[in-house]
PDB file of N, CA and C in Angstrom:
ATOM      1  N   MET A   1     -26.141  39.869 -35.444  1.00  0.00           N
ATOM      2  CA  MET A   1     -26.117  39.365 -33.988  1.00  0.00           C
ATOM      3  C   MET A   1     -25.593  40.637 -33.300  1.00  0.00           C
ATOM      4  N   THR A   2     -25.941  40.960 -32.097  1.00  0.00           N
ATOM      5  CA  THR A   2     -25.494  42.022 -31.248  1.00  0.00           C
ATOM      6  C   THR A   2     -24.002  41.479 -30.585  1.00  0.00           C
ATOM      7  N   THR A   3     -23.422  42.510 -30.106  1.00  0.00           N
ATOM      8  CA  THR A   3     -22.000  42.296 -29.672  1.00  0.00           C
ATOM      9  C   THR A   3     -21.961  41.339 -28.391  1.00  0.00           C
ATOM     10  N   ARG A   4     -23.092  41.606 -27.782  1.00  0.00           N
ATOM     11  CA  ARG A   4     -23.229  40.765 -26.311  1.00  0.00           C
ATOM     12  C   ARG A   4     -23.617  39.230 -26.782  1.00  0.00           C
ATOM     13  N   VAL A   5     -24.327  39.002 -27.647  1.00  0.00           N
ATOM     14  CA  VAL A   5     -24.462  37.657 -28.100  1.00  0.00           C
ATOM     15  C   VAL A   5     -23.339  36.905 -28.730  1.00  0.00           C
ATOM     16  N   ILE A   6     -22.481  37.758 -29.328  1.00  0.00           N
ATOM     17  CA  ILE A   6     -20.991  37.303 -29.993  1.00  0.00           C
ATOM     18  C   ILE A   6     -20.184  36.998 -28.698  1.00  0.00           C
ATOM     19  N   LYS A   7     -20.082  37.851 -27.947  1.00  0.00           N
ATOM     20  CA  LYS A   7     -19.494  37.621 -26.651  1.00  0.00           C
ATOM     21  C   LYS A   7     -19.644  36.460 -25.648  1.00  0.00           C
ATOM     22  N   THR A   8     -21.077  36.243 -25.671  1.00  0.00           N
ATOM     23  CA  THR A   8     -21.431  35.095 -24.614  1.00  0.00           C
ATOM     24  C   THR A   8     -21.304  33.890 -25.501  1.00  0.00           C
ATOM     25  N   VAL A   9     -21.331  33.772 -26.885  1.00  0.00           N
ATOM     26  CA  VAL A   9     -21.249  32.525 -27.474  1.00  0.00           C
ATOM     27  C   VAL A   9     -19.519  32.239 -27.576  1.00  0.00           C
ATOM     28  N   GLY A  10     -18.887  33.281 -27.666  1.00  0.00           N
ATOM     29  CA  GLY A  10     -17.426  32.968 -27.610  1.00  0.00           C
ATOM     30  C   GLY A  10     -16.914  32.730 -26.199  1.00  0.00           C
ATOM     31  N   LEU A  11     -17.516  33.113 -25.053  1.00  0.00           N
ATOM     32  CA  LEU A  11     -17.232  32.579 -23.798  1.00  0.00           C
ATOM     33  C   LEU A  11     -17.541  31.203 -23.416  1.00  0.00           C
ATOM     34  N   LEU A  12     -18.808  30.844 -24.187  1.00  0.00           N
ATOM     35  CA  LEU A  12     -19.070  29.627 -24.185  1.00  0.00           C
ATOM     36  C   LEU A  12     -18.286  28.603 -24.683  1.00  0.00           C
ATOM     37  N   ALA A  13     -17.949  28.803 -25.821  1.00  0.00           N
ATOM     38  CA  ALA A  13     -16.895  28.086 -26.557  1.00  0.00           C
ATOM     39  C   ALA A  13     -15.665  27.810 -25.869  1.00  0.00           C
ATOM     40  N   MET A  14     -14.960  28.836 -25.195  1.00  0.00           N
ATOM     41  CA  MET A  14     -13.967  28.809 -24.460  1.00  0.00           C
ATOM     42  C   MET A  14     -14.048  28.013 -23.165  1.00  0.00           C
ATOM     43  N   MET A  15     -15.211  27.949 -22.540  1.00  0.00           N
ATOM     44  CA  MET A  15     -15.360  27.102 -21.489  1.00  0.00           C
ATOM     45  C   MET A  15     -15.462  25.768 -21.819  1.00  0.00           C
ATOM     46  N   VAL A  16     -16.213  25.421 -23.001  1.00  0.00           N
ATOM     47  CA  VAL A  16     -16.271  23.910 -23.508  1.00  0.00           C
ATOM     48  C   VAL A  16     -14.885  23.509 -23.682  1.00  0.00           C
ATOM     49  N   ALA A  17     -14.121  24.216 -24.459  1.00  0.00           N
ATOM     50  CA  ALA A  17     -12.784  23.772 -24.847  1.00  0.00           C
ATOM     51  C   ALA A  17     -11.750  23.856 -23.775  1.00  0.00           C
ATOM     52  N   GLY A  18     -11.905  24.477 -22.562  1.00  0.00           N
ATOM     53  CA  GLY A  18     -11.201  24.342 -21.577  1.00  0.00           C
ATOM     54  C   GLY A  18     -11.740  23.064 -20.547  1.00  0.00           C
ATOM     55  N   GLY A  19     -12.858  22.611 -20.759  1.00  0.00           N
ATOM     56  CA  GLY A  19     -13.339  21.379 -20.025  1.00  0.00           C
ATOM     57  C   GLY A  19     -12.528  20.187 -20.747  1.00  0.00           C
ATOM     58  N   CYS A  20     -12.085  20.330 -21.959  1.00  0.00           N
ATOM     59  CA  CYS A  20     -11.515  19.107 -22.496  1.00  0.00           C
ATOM     60  C   CYS A  20     -10.236  18.949 -22.429  1.00  0.00           C
ATOM     61  N   SER A  21      -9.680  19.748 -21.708  1.00  0.00           N
ATOM     62  CA  SER A  21      -8.142  19.638 -21.286  1.00  0.00           C
ATOM     63  C   SER A  21      -7.924  18.918 -20.178  1.00  0.00           C
ATOM     64  N   THR A  22      -6.732  18.130 -20.225  1.00  0.00           N
ATOM     65  CA  THR A  22      -6.345  17.489 -19.011  1.00  0.00           C
ATOM     66  C   THR A  22      -5.246  17.954 -18.464  1.00  0.00           C
ATOM     67  N   VAL A  23      -5.163  17.794 -17.003  1.00  0.00           N
ATOM     68  CA  VAL A  23      -4.208  18.441 -16.362  1.00  0.00           C
ATOM     69  C   VAL A  23      -3.574  17.416 -15.016  1.00  0.00           C
ATOM     70  N   ALA A  24      -2.465  17.437 -14.858  1.00  0.00           N
ATOM     71  CA  ALA A  24      -2.050  16.402 -13.840  1.00  0.00           C
ATOM     72  C   ALA A  24      -2.552  16.648 -12.605  1.00  0.00           C
ATOM     73  N   SER A  25      -2.763  15.849 -11.726  1.00  0.00           N
ATOM     74  CA  SER A  25      -3.598  16.111 -10.583  1.00  0.00           C
ATOM     75  C   SER A  25      -2.608  16.554  -9.288  1.00  0.00           C
ATOM     76  N   GLY A  26      -1.459  16.509  -9.441  1.00  0.00           N
ATOM     77  CA  GLY A  26      -0.515  16.979  -8.522  1.00  0.00           C
ATOM     78  C   GLY A  26      -0.647  16.090  -7.137  1.00  0.00           C
ATOM     79  N   ASP A  27      -1.230  14.935  -7.122  1.00  0.00           N
ATOM     80  CA  ASP A  27      -1.665  14.130  -6.220  1.00  0.00           C
ATOM     81  C   ASP A  27      -0.155  13.491  -5.408  1.00  0.00           C
ATOM     82  N   SER A  28       0.358  14.140  -4.333  1.00  0.00           N
ATOM     83  CA  SER A  28       1.682  13.990  -3.805  1.00  0.00           C
ATOM     84  C   SER A  28       1.408  12.363  -3.301  1.00  0.00           C
ATOM     85  N   ASP A  29       0.368  11.869  -2.960  1.00  0.00           N
ATOM     86  CA  ASP A  29       0.395  10.389  -2.484  1.00  0.00           C
ATOM     87  C   ASP A  29       0.791   9.430  -3.849  1.00  0.00           C
ATOM     88  N   SER A  30       0.533   9.873  -4.876  1.00  0.00           N
ATOM     89  CA  SER A  30       0.777   8.888  -6.108  1.00  0.00           C
ATOM     90  C   SER A  30       1.911   8.934  -6.687  1.00  0.00           C
ATOM     91  N   MET A  31       3.013   9.972  -6.203  1.00  0.00           N
ATOM     92  CA  MET A  31       4.081  10.399  -7.021  1.00  0.00           C
ATOM     93  C   MET A  31       5.313  10.086  -5.978  1.00  0.00           C
ATOM     94  N   PRO A  32       6.106   9.298  -6.473  1.00  0.00           N
ATOM     95  CA  PRO A  32       7.389   9.195  -5.621  1.00  0.00           C
ATOM     96  C   PRO A  32       8.161  10.661  -5.368  1.00  0.00           C
ATOM     97  N   VAL A  33       8.917  10.624  -4.051  1.00  0.00           N
ATOM     98  CA  VAL A  33       9.408  11.807  -3.917  1.00  0.00           C
ATOM     99  C   VAL A  33      10.943  11.690  -3.653  1.00  0.00           C
ATOM    100  N   GLY A  34      11.966  12.343  -4.173  1.00  0.00           N
ATOM    101  CA  GLY A  34      13.245  12.259  -3.670  1.00  0.00           C
ATOM    102  C   GLY A  34      13.866  10.971  -3.859  1.00  0.00           C
ATOM    103  N   GLY A  35      13.666  10.130  -4.926  1.00  0.00           N
ATOM    104  CA  GLY A  35      14.203   8.787  -5.262  1.00  0.00           C
ATOM    105  C   GLY A  35      13.526   7.772  -4.550  1.00  0.00           C
ATOM    106  N   GLU A  36      12.352   7.910  -3.908  1.00  0.00           N
ATOM    107  CA  GLU A  36      11.560   6.922  -3.085  1.00  0.00           C
ATOM    108  C   GLU A  36      10.763   6.206  -4.030  1.00  0.00           C
ATOM    109  N   THR A  37      10.490   4.941  -4.070  1.00  0.00           N
ATOM    110  CA  THR A  37       9.605   4.206  -5.221  1.00  0.00           C
ATOM    111  C   THR A  37       8.218   4.124  -4.456  1.00  0.00           C
ATOM    112  N   ALA A  38       7.164   4.204  -5.329  1.00  0.00           N
ATOM    113  CA  ALA A  38       5.814   4.021  -4.796  1.00  0.00           C
ATOM    114  C   ALA A  38       5.519   2.640  -4.310  1.00  0.00           C
ATOM    115  N   PRO A  39       4.608   2.581  -3.449  1.00  0.00           N
ATOM    116  CA  PRO A  39       4.655   1.240  -2.706  1.00  0.00           C
ATOM    117  C   PRO A  39       3.906   0.200  -3.891  1.00  0.00           C
ATOM    118  N   THR A  40       4.561  -0.900  -3.445  1.00  0.00           N
ATOM    119  CA  THR A  40       3.672  -1.995  -4.471  1.00  0.00           C
ATOM    120  C   THR A  40       3.072  -3.087  -3.631  1.00  0.00           C
ATOM    121  N   CYS A  41       2.299  -3.868  -4.215  1.00  0.00           N
ATOM    122  CA  CYS A  41       1.568  -4.809  -3.470  1.00  0.00           C
ATOM    123  C   CYS A  41       2.019  -6.203  -3.856  1.00  0.00           C
ATOM    124  N   LYS A  42       2.427  -7.188  -2.978  1.00  0.00           N
ATOM    125  CA  LYS A  42       2.701  -8.407  -3.037  1.00  0.00           C
ATOM    126  C   LYS A  42       1.633  -9.475  -2.485  1.00  0.00           C
ATOM    127  N   ALA A  43       0.679  -9.629  -3.215  1.00  0.00           N
ATOM    128  CA  ALA A  43      -0.553 -10.489  -2.621  1.00  0.00           C
ATOM    129  C   ALA A  43       0.068 -11.973  -2.234  1.00  0.00           C
ATOM    130  N   GLU A  44       0.846 -12.518  -3.020  1.00  0.00           N
ATOM    131  CA  GLU A  44       1.240 -13.765  -2.663  1.00  0.00           C
ATOM    132  C   GLU A  44       1.755 -14.082  -1.310  1.00  0.00           C
ATOM    133  N   ALA A  45       2.266 -12.893  -0.534  1.00  0.00           N
ATOM    134  CA  ALA A  45       2.879 -12.897   0.645  1.00  0.00           C
ATOM    135  C   ALA A  45       1.862 -13.124   1.815  1.00  0.00           C
ATOM    136  N   ALA A  46       0.599 -13.002   1.377  1.00  0.00           N
ATOM    137  CA  ALA A  46      -0.353 -12.854   2.478  1.00  0.00           C
ATOM    138  C   ALA A  46      -1.601 -13.929   2.160  1.00  0.00           C
ATOM    139  N   GLN A  47      -1.312 -15.039   1.434  1.00  0.00           N
ATOM    140  CA  GLN A  47      -2.118 -15.943   1.006  1.00  0.00           C
ATOM    141  C   GLN A  47      -2.510 -16.924   2.389  1.00  0.00           C
ATOM    142  N   THR A  48      -1.605 -16.832   3.240  1.00  0.00           N
ATOM    143  CA  THR A  48      -1.978 -17.703   4.470  1.00  0.00           C
ATOM    144  C   THR A  48      -3.079 -17.099   5.026  1.00  0.00           C
ATOM    145  N   LEU A  49      -3.550 -15.923   5.031  1.00  0.00           N
ATOM    146  CA  LEU A  49      -4.470 -15.150   5.596  1.00  0.00           C
ATOM    147  C   LEU A  49      -5.980 -15.714   5.066  1.00  0.00           C
ATOM    148  N   VAL A  50      -6.069 -16.280   3.941  1.00  0.00           N
ATOM    149  CA  VAL A  50      -7.403 -16.936   3.468  1.00  0.00           C
ATOM    150  C   VAL A  50      -7.808 -17.769   4.283  1.00  0.00           C
ATOM    151  N   GLY A  51      -9.040 -17.650   4.554  1.00  0.00           N
ATOM    152  CA  GLY A  51      -9.890 -18.665   5.853  1.00  0.00           C
ATOM    153  C   GLY A  51     -10.210 -17.917   6.927  1.00  0.00           C
ATOM    154  N   ARG A  52      -9.346 -16.800   7.024  1.00  0.00           N
ATOM    155  CA  ARG A  52      -9.550 -16.207   8.424  1.00  0.00           C
ATOM    156  C   ARG A  52     -10.627 -15.433   8.495  1.00  0.00           C
ATOM    157  N   VAL A  53     -11.298 -14.812   9.712  1.00  0.00           N
ATOM    158  CA  VAL A  53     -12.332 -13.830   9.701  1.00  0.00           C
ATOM    159  C   VAL A  53     -11.698 -12.520   9.661  1.00  0.00           C
ATOM    160  N   ALA A  54     -12.312 -11.447   8.749  1.00  0.00           N
ATOM    161  CA  ALA A  54     -11.887 -10.239   8.764  1.00  0.00           C
ATOM    162  C   ALA A  54     -11.836  -9.703   9.928  1.00  0.00           C
ATOM    163  N   SER A  55     -10.747  -8.798  10.212  1.00  0.00           N
ATOM    164  CA  SER A  55     -10.668  -7.862  11.252  1.00  0.00           C
ATOM    165  C   SER A  55      -9.562  -6.912  11.142  1.00  0.00           C
ATOM    166  N   GLU A  56      -9.403  -6.057  11.988  1.00  0.00           N
ATOM    167  CA  GLU A  56      -8.519  -5.001  12.042  1.00  0.00           C
ATOM    168  C   GLU A  56      -7.034  -5.617  12.063  1.00  0.00           C
ATOM    169  N   ALA A  57      -7.053  -6.645  12.920  1.00  0.00           N
ATOM    170  CA  ALA A  57      -5.623  -7.118  13.169  1.00  0.00           C
ATOM    171  C   ALA A  57      -5.055  -7.936  11.720  1.00  0.00           C
ATOM    172  N   LEU A  58      -6.134  -8.477  11.319  1.00  0.00           N
ATOM    173  CA  LEU A  58      -5.954  -9.119   9.952  1.00  0.00           C
ATOM    174  C   LEU A  58      -5.551  -8.178   8.833  1.00  0.00           C
ATOM    175  N   ALA A  59      -6.072  -7.045   8.792  1.00  0.00           N
ATOM    176  CA  ALA A  59      -5.935  -5.892   7.831  1.00  0.00           C
ATOM    177  C   ALA A  59      -4.559  -5.393   7.951  1.00  0.00           C
ATOM    178  N   ALA A  60      -4.087  -5.071   9.182  1.00  0.00           N
ATOM    179  CA  ALA A  60      -2.730  -4.759   9.536  1.00  0.00           C
ATOM    180  C   ALA A  60      -1.826  -5.587   9.062  1.00  0.00           C
ATOM    181  N   GLU A  61      -2.006  -7.030   9.447  1.00  0.00           N
ATOM    182  CA  GLU A  61      -0.963  -8.235   8.870  1.00  0.00           C
ATOM    183  C   GLU A  61      -1.005  -8.230   7.440  1.00  0.00           C
ATOM    184  N   ALA A  62      -1.949  -8.175   6.776  1.00  0.00           N
ATOM    185  CA  ALA A  62      -2.005  -8.244   5.349  1.00  0.00           C
ATOM    186  C   ALA A  62      -1.313  -6.993   4.689  1.00  0.00           C
ATOM    187  N   MET A  63      -1.252  -5.812   5.346  1.00  0.00           N
ATOM    188  CA  MET A  63      -0.573  -4.626   4.810  1.00  0.00           C
ATOM    189  C   MET A  63       0.839  -4.933   5.178  1.00  0.00           C
ATOM    190  N   ARG A  64       1.105  -5.334   6.293  1.00  0.00           N
ATOM    191  CA  ARG A  64       2.462  -5.787   6.563  1.00  0.00           C
ATOM    192  C   ARG A  64       3.224  -6.524   5.617  1.00  0.00           C
ATOM    193  N   LEU A  65       2.461  -7.713   5.601  1.00  0.00           N
ATOM    194  CA  LEU A  65       3.066  -8.552   4.580  1.00  0.00           C
ATOM    195  C   LEU A  65       3.137  -8.383   3.106  1.00  0.00           C
ATOM    196  N   THR A  66       2.144  -7.449   2.591  1.00  0.00           N
ATOM    197  CA  THR A  66       2.097  -7.305   1.050  1.00  0.00           C
ATOM    198  C   THR A  66       2.997  -6.024   0.757  1.00  0.00           C
ATOM    199  N   GLY A  67       3.119  -5.167   1.889  1.00  0.00           N
ATOM    200  CA  GLY A  67       3.603  -3.884   1.498  1.00  0.00           C
ATOM    201  C   GLY A  67       2.644  -2.981   0.759  1.00  0.00           C
ATOM    202  N   ALA A  68       1.499  -3.197   0.771  1.00  0.00           N
ATOM    203  CA  ALA A  68       0.648  -2.369   0.026  1.00  0.00           C
ATOM    204  C   ALA A  68       0.356  -0.983   0.874  1.00  0.00           C
ATOM    205  N   GLY A  69       0.200  -0.089   0.004  1.00  0.00           N
ATOM    206  CA  GLY A  69      -0.252   1.235   0.608  1.00  0.00           C
ATOM    207  C   GLY A  69      -1.724   1.586   1.084  1.00  0.00           C
ATOM    208  N   THR A  70      -2.458   0.978   0.364  1.00  0.00           N
ATOM    209  CA  THR A  70      -3.810   0.950   0.687  1.00  0.00           C
ATOM    210  C   THR A  70      -4.673  -0.342   0.926  1.00  0.00           C
ATOM    211  N   LEU A  71      -5.827  -0.410   1.331  1.00  0.00           N
ATOM    212  CA  LEU A  71      -6.426  -1.768   1.407  1.00  0.00           C
ATOM    213  C   LEU A  71      -7.941  -1.453   1.283  1.00  0.00           C
ATOM    214  N   ARG A  72      -8.570  -2.471   0.240  1.00  0.00           N
ATOM    215  CA  ARG A  72      -9.963  -2.302   0.084  1.00  0.00           C
ATOM    216  C   ARG A  72     -10.604  -3.750   0.324  1.00  0.00           C
ATOM    217  N   TRP A  73     -11.577  -3.745   1.459  1.00  0.00           N
ATOM    218  CA  TRP A  73     -12.282  -4.710   1.661  1.00  0.00           C
ATOM    219  C   TRP A  73     -13.406  -5.049   0.544  1.00  0.00           C
ATOM    220  N   ILE A  74     -13.547  -6.115   0.080  1.00  0.00           N
ATOM    221  CA  ILE A  74     -14.746  -6.543  -0.965  1.00  0.00           C
ATOM    222  C   ILE A  74     -15.666  -7.382  -0.451  1.00  0.00           C
ATOM    223  N   PRO A  75     -16.903  -6.931   0.348  1.00  0.00           N
ATOM    224  CA  PRO A  75     -17.785  -7.823   0.706  1.00  0.00           C
ATOM    225  C   PRO A  75     -18.430  -8.866  -0.288  1.00  0.00           C
ATOM    226  N   HIS A  76     -18.893  -9.869  -0.015  1.00  0.00           N
ATOM    227  CA  HIS A  76     -19.521 -11.045  -0.740  1.00  0.00           C
ATOM    228  C   HIS A  76     -20.698 -10.347  -1.873  1.00  0.00           C
ATOM    229  N   ASP A  77     -20.588 -10.294  -2.945  1.00  0.00           N
ATOM    230  CA  ASP A  77     -21.642  -9.765  -3.683  1.00  0.00           C
ATOM    231  C   ASP A  77     -21.576  -8.222  -3.724  1.00  0.00           C
ATOM    232  N   GLY A  78     -20.311  -7.846  -3.451  1.00  0.00           N
ATOM    233  CA  GLY A  78     -20.120  -6.387  -3.390  1.00  0.00           C
ATOM    234  C   GLY A  78     -19.814  -5.882  -4.758  1.00  0.00           C
ATOM    235  N   VAL A  79     -20.036  -4.426  -4.933  1.00  0.00           N
ATOM    236  CA  VAL A  79     -19.638  -3.779  -6.305  1.00  0.00           C
ATOM    237  C   VAL A  79     -18.616  -3.005  -5.950  1.00  0.00           C
ATOM    238  N   VAL A  80     -17.395  -2.963  -6.820  1.00  0.00           N
ATOM    239  CA  VAL A  80     -16.314  -2.209  -6.708  1.00  0.00           C
ATOM    240  C   VAL A  80     -15.724  -1.590  -7.910  1.00  0.00           C
ATOM    241  N   THR A  81     -15.096  -0.504  -7.922  1.00  0.00           N
ATOM    242  CA  THR A  81     -14.595   0.162  -9.144  1.00  0.00           C
ATOM    243  C   THR A  81     -13.643  -0.624  -9.861  1.00  0.00           C
ATOM    244  N   MET A  82     -13.266  -0.871 -10.983  1.00  0.00           N
ATOM    245  CA  MET A  82     -12.419  -1.442 -11.894  1.00  0.00           C
ATOM    246  C   MET A  82     -11.057  -0.634 -11.899  1.00  0.00           C
ATOM    247  N   ASP A  83     -10.836   0.613 -11.179  1.00  0.00           N
ATOM    248  CA  ASP A  83      -9.689   1.119 -11.550  1.00  0.00           C
ATOM    249  C   ASP A  83      -8.648   0.335 -10.731  1.00  0.00           C
ATOM    250  N   LEU A  84      -7.361   0.039 -11.528  1.00  0.00           N
ATOM    251  CA  LEU A  84      -6.201  -0.646 -11.011  1.00  0.00           C
ATOM    252  C   LEU A  84      -5.457   0.353 -10.336  1.00  0.00           C
ATOM    253  N   ARG A  85      -4.750  -0.005  -9.001  1.00  0.00           N
ATOM    254  CA  ARG A  85      -3.686   0.534  -8.403  1.00  0.00           C
ATOM    255  C   ARG A  85      -2.664  -0.530  -7.778  1.00  0.00           C
ATOM    256  N   GLU A  86      -1.569  -0.111  -8.265  1.00  0.00           N
ATOM    257  CA  GLU A  86      -0.226  -1.149  -7.931  1.00  0.00           C
ATOM    258  C   GLU A  86      -0.416  -1.148  -6.357  1.00  0.00           C
ATOM    259  N   ASP A  87      -0.568  -0.133  -5.860  1.00  0.00           N
ATOM    260  CA  ASP A  87      -0.352  -0.366  -4.183  1.00  0.00           C
ATOM    261  C   ASP A  87      -1.439  -0.714  -3.406  1.00  0.00           C
ATOM    262  N   ARG A  88      -2.591  -1.077  -4.113  1.00  0.00           N
ATOM    263  CA  ARG A  88      -3.734  -1.490  -3.179  1.00  0.00           C
ATOM    264  C   ARG A  88      -3.905  -2.950  -3.139  1.00  0.00           C
ATOM    265  N   LEU A  89      -4.111  -3.479  -1.981  1.00  0.00           N
ATOM    266  CA  LEU A  89      -4.592  -4.791  -1.738  1.00  0.00           C
ATOM    267  C   LEU A  89      -6.271  -4.982  -1.407  1.00  0.00           C
ATOM    268  N   ASN A  90      -6.624  -5.812  -2.177  1.00  0.00           N
ATOM    269  CA  ASN A  90      -7.931  -6.196  -2.191  1.00  0.00           C
ATOM    270  C   ASN A  90      -8.437  -7.480  -1.391  1.00  0.00           C
ATOM    271  N   ILE A  91      -9.083  -7.473  -0.464  1.00  0.00           N
ATOM    272  CA  ILE A  91      -9.453  -8.539   0.557  1.00  0.00           C
ATOM    273  C   ILE A  91     -10.715  -9.020   0.163  1.00  0.00           C
ATOM    274  N   GLU A  92     -11.129 -10.187  -0.363  1.00  0.00           N
ATOM    275  CA  GLU A  92     -12.566 -10.443  -0.955  1.00  0.00           C
ATOM    276  C   GLU A  92     -13.121 -11.402   0.385  1.00  0.00           C
ATOM    277  N   LEU A  93     -14.280 -11.004   0.638  1.00  0.00           N
ATOM    278  CA  LEU A  93     -14.886 -11.668   1.882  1.00  0.00           C
ATOM    279  C   LEU A  93     -16.205 -12.730   1.400  1.00  0.00           C
ATOM    280  N   ASP A  94     -16.392 -13.633   2.316  1.00  0.00           N
ATOM    281  CA  ASP A  94     -17.781 -14.465   1.839  1.00  0.00           C
ATOM    282  C   ASP A  94     -18.772 -13.946   2.765  1.00  0.00           C
ATOM    283  N   PRO A  95     -19.968 -14.360   2.568  1.00  0.00           N
ATOM    284  CA  PRO A  95     -21.045 -13.868   3.491  1.00  0.00           C
ATOM    285  C   PRO A  95     -20.815 -14.034   5.108  1.00  0.00           C
ATOM    286  N   ALA A  96     -19.997 -14.865   5.600  1.00  0.00           N
ATOM    287  CA  ALA A  96     -19.798 -14.989   6.972  1.00  0.00           C
ATOM    288  C   ALA A  96     -18.341 -14.114   7.491  1.00  0.00           C
ATOM    289  N   ASN A  97     -18.174 -13.317   6.597  1.00  0.00           N
ATOM    290  CA  ASN A  97     -16.938 -12.409   6.768  1.00  0.00           C
ATOM    291  C   ASN A  97     -15.497 -13.058   6.777  1.00  0.00           C
ATOM    292  N   LYS A  98     -15.344 -14.053   6.169  1.00  0.00           N
ATOM    293  CA  LYS A  98     -14.286 -14.778   5.900  1.00  0.00           C
ATOM    294  C   LYS A  98     -13.368 -14.741   4.588  1.00  0.00           C
ATOM    295  N   VAL A  99     -12.298 -14.562   4.816  1.00  0.00           N
ATOM    296  CA  VAL A  99     -11.425 -13.973   3.503  1.00  0.00           C
ATOM    297  C   VAL A  99     -11.418 -15.167   2.529  1.00  0.00           C
ATOM    298  N   THR A 100     -11.927 -14.897   1.384  1.00  0.00           N
ATOM    299  CA  THR A 100     -11.885 -15.862   0.318  1.00  0.00           C
ATOM    300  C   THR A 100     -10.927 -15.567  -0.877  1.00  0.00           C
ATOM    301  N   GLY A 101     -10.354 -14.325  -0.877  1.00  0.00           N
ATOM    302  CA  GLY A 101      -9.327 -14.357  -1.752  1.00  0.00           C
ATOM    303  C   GLY A 101      -8.550 -12.932  -1.421  1.00  0.00           C
ATOM    304  N   ILE A 102      -7.195 -12.737  -1.749  1.00  0.00           N
ATOM    305  CA  ILE A 102      -6.368 -11.591  -1.557  1.00  0.00           C
ATOM    306  C   ILE A 102      -5.595 -11.341  -2.779  1.00  0.00           C
ATOM    307  N   ARG A 103      -5.898 -10.130  -3.534  1.00  0.00           N
ATOM    308  CA  ARG A 103      -5.216  -9.851  -4.709  1.00  0.00           C
ATOM    309  C   ARG A 103      -4.839  -8.505  -4.630  1.00  0.00           C
ATOM    310  N   CYS A 104      -3.822  -8.014  -5.522  1.00  0.00           N
ATOM    311  CA  CYS A 104      -3.419  -6.638  -5.494  1.00  0.00           C
ATOM    312  C   CYS A 104      -4.468  -5.884  -7.023  1.00  0.00           C
ATOM    313  N   GLY A 105      -4.234  -4.438  -6.740  1.00  0.00           N
ATOM    314  CA  GLY A 105      -5.141  -4.005  -7.868  1.00  0.00           C
ATOM    315  C   GLY A 105      -6.260  -3.020  -7.456  1.00  0.00           C
TER     316      GLY A 105
END
């Protein structure tokens, strides 16, 4: 084999090995700073909103009641990721845009 081929194969091997490593993302939104605690979600506090029509005002009220850091609307028959986040409030909707469920994750 020529030197050029050996160098190319070695470089490719290093690139593949580097792709297998994991690194902390450094996402400051997910890490508490200076003794703060990450926002948590308390869905039970917003169960009185079930049955109401979805709106920006309802979203703000749900966030205030639950202490959630983020909100995700889940439409009827909607597809969502299964990643769990302690600070996320999920509001499930029926075809008429009424709230059918409120949960964290």
